[in-house]
Amino acid sequence: MERRQIFRDSGVICLQGVGGLGCAHPLRGAAMAVVVPRSFRLLDELEQGQKGDAMSGVSWGLAIPDDITLTHWTGTIFGPPGTAYDNRIYCLSITAGQQYPDRAPEVKFGTQINISNVDARTGEVQKDFPLLRGWRREFTIENVLTELRKSMVQPANRRLPQPAEGTNY
């Protein structure tokens, strides 16, 4: 069980959790960076996903609504117009492990897709996918889905023949 506390000492606000301890003085501005604990970060990402707009072409949320560990997520990518992915909806599973956001999530397509950096047999997004390879703590689940959607319009991918609609891994 992760242990987190929020406490104040002499006007300094501190957050303590698995990700470490971060403190800031509210009257002195950004005196030091605050390391936001995993659960706080994921709750923020969940809120953003619930507020999301369909115009971005991606959506995300918890796979199990009462997943108190905030580990198992689903993502949806709407195929970009003018590509082989047009008018298709791609479902993904995302696992935000205990080291997230310090380590990239595991991402897997449930809907079959033919695209670079995705294993054609399993649907797993390979670790050499540029965003996963260069993962930084500030990246989010939304960033992963958005970058996957952007890769659909790249010249190497945009016209690749796709599996029959509705087929899954």
N, C-alpha and C. Protein backbone atom coordinates (compact mmCIF):
# COMPACT_ATOMS: atom_id res chain seq x y z
N MET A 1 0.84 -1.18 0.00
CA MET A 1 0.00 0.00 0.00
C MET A 1 0.88 1.24 0.00
N GLU A 2 0.60 2.16 -0.89
CA GLU A 2 1.37 3.39 -0.98
C GLU A 2 0.96 4.31 0.17
N ARG A 3 1.91 5.05 0.70
CA ARG A 3 1.65 5.95 1.80
C ARG A 3 1.91 7.37 1.33
N ARG A 4 0.91 8.23 1.49
CA ARG A 4 1.05 9.60 1.05
C ARG A 4 0.57 10.52 2.15
N GLN A 5 1.19 11.66 2.26
CA GLN A 5 0.79 12.66 3.23
C GLN A 5 0.93 14.03 2.60
N ILE A 6 0.06 14.89 2.99
CA ILE A 6 0.21 16.30 2.64
C ILE A 6 0.35 17.00 3.98
N PHE A 7 1.41 17.76 4.14
CA PHE A 7 1.57 18.46 5.42
C PHE A 7 2.17 19.84 5.20
N ARG A 8 1.95 20.70 6.18
CA ARG A 8 2.46 22.07 6.14
C ARG A 8 3.36 22.25 7.34
N ASP A 9 4.48 22.89 7.13
CA ASP A 9 5.40 23.20 8.21
C ASP A 9 5.99 24.57 7.94
N SER A 10 5.71 25.53 8.79
CA SER A 10 6.21 26.90 8.64
C SER A 10 5.83 27.50 7.28
N GLY A 11 4.62 27.19 6.83
CA GLY A 11 4.14 27.75 5.57
C GLY A 11 4.60 27.01 4.34
N VAL A 12 5.42 25.97 4.52
CA VAL A 12 5.90 25.18 3.39
C VAL A 12 4.94 24.02 3.19
N ILE A 13 4.49 23.82 1.97
CA ILE A 13 3.58 22.72 1.66
C ILE A 13 4.40 21.58 1.09
N CYS A 14 4.19 20.38 1.63
CA CYS A 14 4.95 19.22 1.18
C CYS A 14 4.01 18.10 0.79
N LEU A 15 4.39 17.36 -0.23
CA LEU A 15 3.71 16.15 -0.66
C LEU A 15 4.70 15.02 -0.54
N GLN A 16 4.30 13.96 0.11
CA GLN A 16 5.19 12.81 0.25
C GLN A 16 4.50 11.59 -0.30
N GLY A 17 5.21 10.81 -1.07
CA GLY A 17 4.65 9.59 -1.62
C GLY A 17 5.74 8.73 -2.20
N VAL A 18 5.31 7.72 -2.97
CA VAL A 18 6.25 6.79 -3.57
C VAL A 18 7.23 7.52 -4.47
N GLY A 19 6.77 8.58 -5.15
CA GLY A 19 7.63 9.33 -6.05
C GLY A 19 8.65 10.21 -5.35
N GLY A 20 8.54 10.31 -4.03
CA GLY A 20 9.51 11.12 -3.29
C GLY A 20 8.82 12.22 -2.52
N LEU A 21 9.58 13.16 -2.06
CA LEU A 21 9.09 14.27 -1.28
C LEU A 21 9.34 15.54 -2.06
N GLY A 22 8.33 16.38 -2.12
CA GLY A 22 8.50 17.66 -2.78
C GLY A 22 7.87 18.74 -1.92
N CYS A 23 8.52 19.87 -1.82
CA CYS A 23 8.03 20.96 -0.99
C CYS A 23 8.10 22.27 -1.76
N ALA A 24 7.21 23.17 -1.41
CA ALA A 24 7.22 24.50 -2.01
C ALA A 24 6.66 25.49 -1.00
N HIS A 25 7.14 26.69 -1.06
CA HIS A 25 6.61 27.75 -0.20
C HIS A 25 5.66 28.55 -1.05
N PRO A 26 4.35 28.59 -0.70
CA PRO A 26 3.36 29.22 -1.56
C PRO A 26 3.59 30.71 -1.78
N LEU A 27 4.27 31.39 -0.85
CA LEU A 27 4.48 32.82 -1.00
C LEU A 27 5.77 33.15 -1.75
N ARG A 28 6.61 32.18 -1.94
CA ARG A 28 7.89 32.44 -2.60
C ARG A 28 7.91 31.92 -4.05
N GLY A 29 6.77 31.52 -4.54
CA GLY A 29 6.70 31.02 -5.91
C GLY A 29 7.29 29.64 -6.04
N ALA A 30 7.83 29.34 -7.18
CA ALA A 30 8.36 28.01 -7.47
C ALA A 30 9.80 27.90 -6.99
N ALA A 31 9.98 27.83 -5.69
CA ALA A 31 11.32 27.75 -5.13
C ALA A 31 11.97 26.42 -5.44
N MET A 32 11.17 25.35 -5.51
CA MET A 32 11.70 24.04 -5.85
C MET A 32 10.61 23.23 -6.52
N ALA A 33 11.01 22.29 -7.34
CA ALA A 33 10.05 21.47 -8.06
C ALA A 33 9.37 20.51 -7.11
N VAL A 34 8.08 20.31 -7.31
CA VAL A 34 7.32 19.37 -6.51
C VAL A 34 7.17 18.09 -7.32
N VAL A 35 7.55 16.98 -6.73
CA VAL A 35 7.35 15.68 -7.37
C VAL A 35 5.96 15.21 -6.98
N VAL A 36 5.05 15.22 -7.93
CA VAL A 36 3.68 14.84 -7.66
C VAL A 36 3.60 13.32 -7.56
N PRO A 37 3.01 12.81 -6.49
CA PRO A 37 2.88 11.36 -6.34
C PRO A 37 2.06 10.74 -7.47
N ARG A 38 2.33 9.47 -7.73
CA ARG A 38 1.70 8.72 -8.82
C ARG A 38 0.18 8.86 -8.82
N SER A 39 -0.45 8.62 -7.68
CA SER A 39 -1.91 8.63 -7.65
C SER A 39 -2.47 10.02 -7.93
N PHE A 40 -1.83 11.08 -7.45
CA PHE A 40 -2.29 12.43 -7.73
C PHE A 40 -2.21 12.70 -9.22
N ARG A 41 -1.09 12.30 -9.80
CA ARG A 41 -0.87 12.50 -11.23
C ARG A 41 -1.92 11.76 -12.05
N LEU A 42 -2.17 10.48 -11.70
CA LEU A 42 -3.14 9.70 -12.46
C LEU A 42 -4.57 10.20 -12.27
N LEU A 43 -4.89 10.69 -11.09
CA LEU A 43 -6.22 11.27 -10.89
C LEU A 43 -6.41 12.50 -11.77
N ASP A 44 -5.35 13.29 -11.94
CA ASP A 44 -5.41 14.44 -12.83
C ASP A 44 -5.61 13.98 -14.28
N GLU A 45 -4.88 12.93 -14.67
CA GLU A 45 -5.04 12.42 -16.04
C GLU A 45 -6.45 11.87 -16.26
N LEU A 46 -7.00 11.23 -15.23
CA LEU A 46 -8.37 10.71 -15.33
C LEU A 46 -9.36 11.86 -15.51
N GLU A 47 -9.18 12.91 -14.74
CA GLU A 47 -10.05 14.08 -14.86
C GLU A 47 -9.96 14.68 -16.26
N GLN A 48 -8.73 14.79 -16.79
CA GLN A 48 -8.56 15.32 -18.14
C GLN A 48 -9.25 14.43 -19.18
N GLY A 49 -9.15 13.13 -18.99
CA GLY A 49 -9.80 12.20 -19.90
C GLY A 49 -11.31 12.31 -19.87
N GLN A 50 -11.86 12.54 -18.68
CA GLN A 50 -13.31 12.67 -18.54
C GLN A 50 -13.81 13.98 -19.13
N LYS A 51 -12.96 15.00 -19.14
CA LYS A 51 -13.32 16.30 -19.72
C LYS A 51 -13.03 16.35 -21.21
N GLY A 52 -12.29 15.36 -21.70
CA GLY A 52 -11.76 15.39 -23.07
C GLY A 52 -12.77 15.75 -24.13
N ASP A 53 -12.26 16.36 -25.18
CA ASP A 53 -13.12 16.68 -26.32
C ASP A 53 -12.82 15.72 -27.46
N ALA A 54 -13.84 15.43 -28.22
CA ALA A 54 -13.70 14.48 -29.33
C ALA A 54 -12.89 15.05 -30.49
N MET A 55 -12.63 16.34 -30.47
CA MET A 55 -11.91 16.96 -31.58
C MET A 55 -10.46 16.51 -31.67
N SER A 56 -9.88 16.05 -30.57
CA SER A 56 -8.48 15.64 -30.59
C SER A 56 -8.30 14.27 -31.24
N GLY A 57 -9.38 13.52 -31.36
CA GLY A 57 -9.30 12.20 -31.98
C GLY A 57 -8.86 11.10 -31.05
N VAL A 58 -8.72 11.39 -29.75
CA VAL A 58 -8.35 10.38 -28.76
C VAL A 58 -9.19 10.54 -27.50
N SER A 59 -9.38 9.44 -26.78
CA SER A 59 -10.03 9.49 -25.48
C SER A 59 -9.42 8.41 -24.60
N TRP A 60 -9.57 8.55 -23.28
CA TRP A 60 -8.99 7.60 -22.35
C TRP A 60 -9.74 7.65 -21.02
N GLY A 61 -9.63 6.56 -20.28
CA GLY A 61 -10.25 6.47 -18.96
C GLY A 61 -9.87 5.15 -18.32
N LEU A 62 -10.37 4.92 -17.12
CA LEU A 62 -10.07 3.67 -16.41
C LEU A 62 -10.82 2.51 -17.06
N ALA A 63 -10.15 1.38 -17.17
CA ALA A 63 -10.79 0.18 -17.72
C ALA A 63 -11.79 -0.40 -16.73
N ILE A 64 -11.47 -0.29 -15.45
CA ILE A 64 -12.33 -0.78 -14.37
C ILE A 64 -12.65 0.45 -13.52
N PRO A 65 -13.91 0.90 -13.53
CA PRO A 65 -14.24 2.16 -12.85
C PRO A 65 -13.80 2.24 -11.39
N ASP A 66 -13.78 1.13 -10.67
CA ASP A 66 -13.39 1.18 -9.26
C ASP A 66 -11.96 0.69 -9.03
N ASP A 67 -11.10 0.84 -10.04
CA ASP A 67 -9.68 0.46 -9.93
C ASP A 67 -8.97 1.49 -9.06
N ILE A 68 -8.89 1.22 -7.75
CA ILE A 68 -8.30 2.19 -6.84
C ILE A 68 -6.79 2.32 -7.02
N THR A 69 -6.18 1.37 -7.74
CA THR A 69 -4.74 1.47 -8.01
C THR A 69 -4.44 2.34 -9.21
N LEU A 70 -5.47 2.69 -9.98
CA LEU A 70 -5.33 3.52 -11.18
C LEU A 70 -4.32 2.93 -12.16
N THR A 71 -4.34 1.62 -12.31
CA THR A 71 -3.37 0.91 -13.12
C THR A 71 -3.87 0.59 -14.52
N HIS A 72 -5.10 0.14 -14.64
CA HIS A 72 -5.62 -0.38 -15.92
C HIS A 72 -6.52 0.65 -16.60
N TRP A 73 -6.07 1.05 -17.79
CA TRP A 73 -6.75 2.10 -18.55
C TRP A 73 -7.15 1.59 -19.92
N THR A 74 -8.10 2.28 -20.52
CA THR A 74 -8.45 2.04 -21.92
C THR A 74 -8.22 3.35 -22.68
N GLY A 75 -7.90 3.20 -23.93
CA GLY A 75 -7.74 4.35 -24.80
C GLY A 75 -8.46 4.10 -26.10
N THR A 76 -8.86 5.15 -26.74
CA THR A 76 -9.52 5.05 -28.04
C THR A 76 -8.87 6.06 -28.97
N ILE A 77 -8.59 5.60 -30.18
CA ILE A 77 -8.07 6.49 -31.21
C ILE A 77 -9.02 6.42 -32.40
N PHE A 78 -9.48 7.58 -32.83
CA PHE A 78 -10.32 7.66 -34.02
C PHE A 78 -9.41 7.88 -35.21
N GLY A 79 -9.49 6.99 -36.20
CA GLY A 79 -8.60 7.05 -37.35
C GLY A 79 -8.65 8.40 -38.05
N PRO A 80 -7.49 8.95 -38.38
CA PRO A 80 -7.44 10.25 -39.05
C PRO A 80 -8.02 10.20 -40.46
N PRO A 81 -8.75 11.24 -40.86
CA PRO A 81 -9.31 11.29 -42.21
C PRO A 81 -8.22 11.28 -43.27
N GLY A 82 -8.54 10.71 -44.42
CA GLY A 82 -7.60 10.70 -45.55
C GLY A 82 -6.49 9.68 -45.42
N THR A 83 -6.63 8.72 -44.50
CA THR A 83 -5.64 7.66 -44.31
C THR A 83 -6.33 6.31 -44.40
N ALA A 84 -5.54 5.27 -44.37
CA ALA A 84 -6.11 3.91 -44.35
C ALA A 84 -6.86 3.64 -43.05
N TYR A 85 -6.69 4.49 -42.05
CA TYR A 85 -7.32 4.33 -40.74
C TYR A 85 -8.62 5.11 -40.62
N ASP A 86 -8.96 5.88 -41.67
CA ASP A 86 -10.15 6.73 -41.69
C ASP A 86 -11.41 5.91 -41.39
N ASN A 87 -12.31 6.51 -40.60
CA ASN A 87 -13.59 5.89 -40.23
C ASN A 87 -13.44 4.60 -39.42
N ARG A 88 -12.32 4.44 -38.75
CA ARG A 88 -12.11 3.29 -37.87
C ARG A 88 -11.87 3.77 -36.45
N ILE A 89 -12.26 2.94 -35.52
CA ILE A 89 -12.05 3.23 -34.10
C ILE A 89 -11.14 2.16 -33.55
N TYR A 90 -10.03 2.58 -32.96
CA TYR A 90 -9.03 1.66 -32.41
C TYR A 90 -9.07 1.71 -30.88
N CYS A 91 -9.24 0.53 -30.29
CA CYS A 91 -9.28 0.42 -28.83
C CYS A 91 -7.92 -0.09 -28.34
N LEU A 92 -7.47 0.48 -27.25
CA LEU A 92 -6.17 0.12 -26.68
C LEU A 92 -6.30 -0.14 -25.20
N SER A 93 -5.42 -0.97 -24.67
CA SER A 93 -5.29 -1.13 -23.23
C SER A 93 -3.97 -0.52 -22.82
N ILE A 94 -3.99 0.15 -21.69
CA ILE A 94 -2.82 0.87 -21.19
C ILE A 94 -2.62 0.47 -19.74
N THR A 95 -1.40 0.09 -19.40
CA THR A 95 -1.09 -0.27 -18.03
C THR A 95 -0.09 0.73 -17.48
N ALA A 96 -0.55 1.48 -16.49
CA ALA A 96 0.31 2.44 -15.81
C ALA A 96 0.86 1.73 -14.57
N GLY A 97 2.02 1.14 -14.71
CA GLY A 97 2.62 0.37 -13.62
C GLY A 97 2.98 1.22 -12.42
N GLN A 98 3.46 0.59 -11.38
CA GLN A 98 3.79 1.29 -10.13
C GLN A 98 4.89 2.34 -10.31
N GLN A 99 5.69 2.23 -11.36
CA GLN A 99 6.76 3.21 -11.61
C GLN A 99 6.31 4.37 -12.49
N TYR A 100 5.05 4.33 -12.99
CA TYR A 100 4.51 5.43 -13.79
C TYR A 100 4.34 6.64 -12.88
N PRO A 101 4.67 7.83 -13.29
CA PRO A 101 5.05 8.30 -14.61
C PRO A 101 6.56 8.33 -14.85
N ASP A 102 7.35 7.79 -13.92
CA ASP A 102 8.80 7.77 -14.15
C ASP A 102 9.18 6.80 -15.26
N ARG A 103 8.35 5.78 -15.47
CA ARG A 103 8.53 4.83 -16.57
C ARG A 103 7.29 4.85 -17.44
N ALA A 104 7.50 4.62 -18.72
CA ALA A 104 6.40 4.65 -19.69
C ALA A 104 5.38 3.56 -19.39
N PRO A 105 4.12 3.81 -19.73
CA PRO A 105 3.11 2.77 -19.58
C PRO A 105 3.28 1.70 -20.65
N GLU A 106 2.69 0.54 -20.41
CA GLU A 106 2.62 -0.50 -21.43
C GLU A 106 1.35 -0.25 -22.23
N VAL A 107 1.47 -0.28 -23.56
CA VAL A 107 0.34 0.06 -24.42
C VAL A 107 0.15 -1.06 -25.43
N LYS A 108 -1.11 -1.46 -25.60
CA LYS A 108 -1.42 -2.54 -26.52
C LYS A 108 -2.73 -2.25 -27.25
N PHE A 109 -2.69 -2.40 -28.57
CA PHE A 109 -3.92 -2.27 -29.35
C PHE A 109 -4.76 -3.52 -29.14
N GLY A 110 -6.06 -3.34 -28.95
CA GLY A 110 -7.00 -4.45 -28.91
C GLY A 110 -7.55 -4.70 -30.30
N THR A 111 -7.72 -3.61 -31.04
CA THR A 111 -8.18 -3.66 -32.43
C THR A 111 -6.96 -3.91 -33.31
N GLN A 112 -7.07 -4.86 -34.23
CA GLN A 112 -5.93 -5.13 -35.10
C GLN A 112 -5.61 -3.92 -35.95
N ILE A 113 -4.30 -3.71 -36.12
CA ILE A 113 -3.82 -2.55 -36.87
C ILE A 113 -2.50 -2.92 -37.54
N ASN A 114 -2.27 -2.32 -38.69
CA ASN A 114 -1.00 -2.47 -39.40
C ASN A 114 -0.33 -1.10 -39.39
N ILE A 115 0.70 -0.95 -38.55
CA ILE A 115 1.38 0.33 -38.38
C ILE A 115 2.77 0.05 -37.82
N SER A 116 3.72 0.90 -38.14
CA SER A 116 5.08 0.70 -37.63
C SER A 116 5.08 0.84 -36.10
N ASN A 117 6.02 0.16 -35.47
CA ASN A 117 6.22 0.17 -34.02
C ASN A 117 5.12 -0.54 -33.23
N VAL A 118 4.29 -1.32 -33.91
CA VAL A 118 3.27 -2.13 -33.23
C VAL A 118 3.46 -3.57 -33.70
N ASP A 119 3.59 -4.48 -32.74
CA ASP A 119 3.78 -5.90 -33.05
C ASP A 119 2.53 -6.42 -33.75
N ALA A 120 2.67 -6.92 -34.97
CA ALA A 120 1.54 -7.38 -35.79
C ALA A 120 0.86 -8.61 -35.19
N ARG A 121 1.58 -9.38 -34.36
CA ARG A 121 0.99 -10.58 -33.76
C ARG A 121 0.22 -10.30 -32.48
N THR A 122 0.70 -9.33 -31.70
CA THR A 122 0.12 -9.10 -30.37
C THR A 122 -0.57 -7.76 -30.20
N GLY A 123 -0.24 -6.78 -31.04
CA GLY A 123 -0.79 -5.44 -30.90
C GLY A 123 -0.03 -4.57 -29.92
N GLU A 124 1.05 -5.09 -29.34
CA GLU A 124 1.82 -4.31 -28.37
C GLU A 124 2.60 -3.20 -29.07
N VAL A 125 2.50 -2.01 -28.49
CA VAL A 125 3.31 -0.90 -29.00
C VAL A 125 4.72 -1.15 -28.49
N GLN A 126 5.65 -1.21 -29.42
CA GLN A 126 7.03 -1.57 -29.08
C GLN A 126 7.73 -0.42 -28.37
N LYS A 127 8.70 -0.79 -27.55
CA LYS A 127 9.45 0.20 -26.77
C LYS A 127 10.25 1.15 -27.64
N ASP A 128 10.43 0.81 -28.93
CA ASP A 128 11.16 1.72 -29.80
C ASP A 128 10.25 2.78 -30.44
N PHE A 129 8.97 2.76 -30.09
CA PHE A 129 8.08 3.85 -30.51
C PHE A 129 8.69 5.13 -29.93
N PRO A 130 8.90 6.17 -30.75
CA PRO A 130 9.68 7.34 -30.31
C PRO A 130 9.28 7.92 -28.95
N LEU A 131 8.01 8.07 -28.68
CA LEU A 131 7.61 8.66 -27.40
C LEU A 131 7.97 7.75 -26.23
N LEU A 132 7.81 6.45 -26.40
CA LEU A 132 8.14 5.52 -25.32
C LEU A 132 9.66 5.42 -25.13
N ARG A 133 10.38 5.43 -26.25
CA ARG A 133 11.85 5.34 -26.19
C ARG A 133 12.44 6.55 -25.47
N GLY A 134 11.88 7.72 -25.69
CA GLY A 134 12.38 8.94 -25.07
C GLY A 134 11.50 9.41 -23.92
N TRP A 135 10.89 8.47 -23.21
CA TRP A 135 9.93 8.80 -22.16
C TRP A 135 10.49 9.77 -21.13
N ARG A 136 9.65 10.76 -20.78
CA ARG A 136 9.98 11.71 -19.71
C ARG A 136 8.80 11.77 -18.75
N ARG A 137 9.06 12.08 -17.53
CA ARG A 137 8.05 12.09 -16.48
C ARG A 137 6.84 12.97 -16.83
N GLU A 138 7.04 14.03 -17.56
CA GLU A 138 5.93 14.93 -17.85
C GLU A 138 4.99 14.42 -18.95
N PHE A 139 5.37 13.37 -19.66
CA PHE A 139 4.49 12.80 -20.67
C PHE A 139 3.29 12.14 -20.00
N THR A 140 2.20 12.06 -20.75
CA THR A 140 0.94 11.53 -20.20
C THR A 140 0.36 10.45 -21.11
N ILE A 141 -0.69 9.82 -20.63
CA ILE A 141 -1.43 8.85 -21.44
C ILE A 141 -1.98 9.54 -22.68
N GLU A 142 -2.47 10.75 -22.52
CA GLU A 142 -2.96 11.51 -23.68
C GLU A 142 -1.85 11.69 -24.71
N ASN A 143 -0.63 12.00 -24.27
CA ASN A 143 0.48 12.17 -25.20
C ASN A 143 0.73 10.89 -25.99
N VAL A 144 0.67 9.74 -25.33
CA VAL A 144 0.89 8.47 -26.01
C VAL A 144 -0.15 8.27 -27.11
N LEU A 145 -1.41 8.46 -26.76
CA LEU A 145 -2.49 8.26 -27.74
C LEU A 145 -2.39 9.26 -28.89
N THR A 146 -2.09 10.49 -28.57
CA THR A 146 -1.96 11.53 -29.61
C THR A 146 -0.80 11.21 -30.55
N GLU A 147 0.33 10.78 -30.01
CA GLU A 147 1.49 10.45 -30.85
C GLU A 147 1.20 9.22 -31.72
N LEU A 148 0.49 8.25 -31.19
CA LEU A 148 0.11 7.09 -32.01
C LEU A 148 -0.79 7.54 -33.16
N ARG A 149 -1.72 8.43 -32.87
CA ARG A 149 -2.60 8.94 -33.93
C ARG A 149 -1.81 9.72 -34.98
N LYS A 150 -0.85 10.52 -34.52
CA LYS A 150 0.01 11.26 -35.46
C LYS A 150 0.81 10.32 -36.34
N SER A 151 1.23 9.18 -35.79
CA SER A 151 2.02 8.24 -36.59
C SER A 151 1.17 7.62 -37.70
N MET A 152 -0.15 7.63 -37.54
CA MET A 152 -1.03 7.10 -38.59
C MET A 152 -1.01 7.94 -39.85
N VAL A 153 -0.65 9.21 -39.74
CA VAL A 153 -0.62 10.08 -40.92
C VAL A 153 0.77 10.22 -41.52
N GLN A 154 1.76 9.60 -40.91
CA GLN A 154 3.11 9.64 -41.47
C GLN A 154 3.14 8.89 -42.80
N PRO A 155 3.95 9.35 -43.74
CA PRO A 155 4.00 8.72 -45.07
C PRO A 155 4.21 7.20 -45.03
N ALA A 156 5.01 6.71 -44.11
CA ALA A 156 5.29 5.27 -44.04
C ALA A 156 4.06 4.47 -43.61
N ASN A 157 3.10 5.11 -42.96
CA ASN A 157 1.95 4.39 -42.41
C ASN A 157 0.61 4.72 -43.06
N ARG A 158 0.45 5.90 -43.59
CA ARG A 158 -0.87 6.39 -43.96
C ARG A 158 -1.62 5.54 -44.99
N ARG A 159 -0.92 4.79 -45.81
CA ARG A 159 -1.58 3.98 -46.85
C ARG A 159 -1.40 2.47 -46.65
N LEU A 160 -0.87 2.06 -45.51
CA LEU A 160 -0.67 0.62 -45.27
C LEU A 160 -2.02 -0.10 -45.29
N PRO A 161 -2.08 -1.26 -45.96
CA PRO A 161 -3.33 -2.02 -45.95
C PRO A 161 -3.65 -2.44 -44.51
N GLN A 162 -4.93 -2.37 -44.15
CA GLN A 162 -5.36 -2.67 -42.79
C GLN A 162 -6.14 -3.99 -42.73
N PRO A 163 -6.09 -4.65 -41.57
CA PRO A 163 -6.88 -5.87 -41.38
C PRO A 163 -8.37 -5.53 -41.54
N ALA A 164 -9.17 -6.55 -41.72
CA ALA A 164 -10.60 -6.34 -41.86
C ALA A 164 -11.13 -5.60 -40.63
N GLU A 165 -12.08 -4.71 -40.87
CA GLU A 165 -12.66 -3.95 -39.77
C GLU A 165 -13.28 -4.88 -38.73
N GLY A 166 -13.10 -4.52 -37.48
CA GLY A 166 -13.71 -5.30 -36.39
C GLY A 166 -12.90 -6.48 -35.92
N THR A 167 -11.69 -6.70 -36.48
CA THR A 167 -10.87 -7.80 -36.01
C THR A 167 -10.02 -7.36 -34.83
N ASN A 168 -9.86 -8.26 -33.88
CA ASN A 168 -9.12 -7.96 -32.65
C ASN A 168 -7.98 -8.94 -32.46
N TYR A 169 -7.07 -8.57 -31.58
CA TYR A 169 -5.94 -9.44 -31.23
C TYR A 169 -6.42 -10.48 -30.24
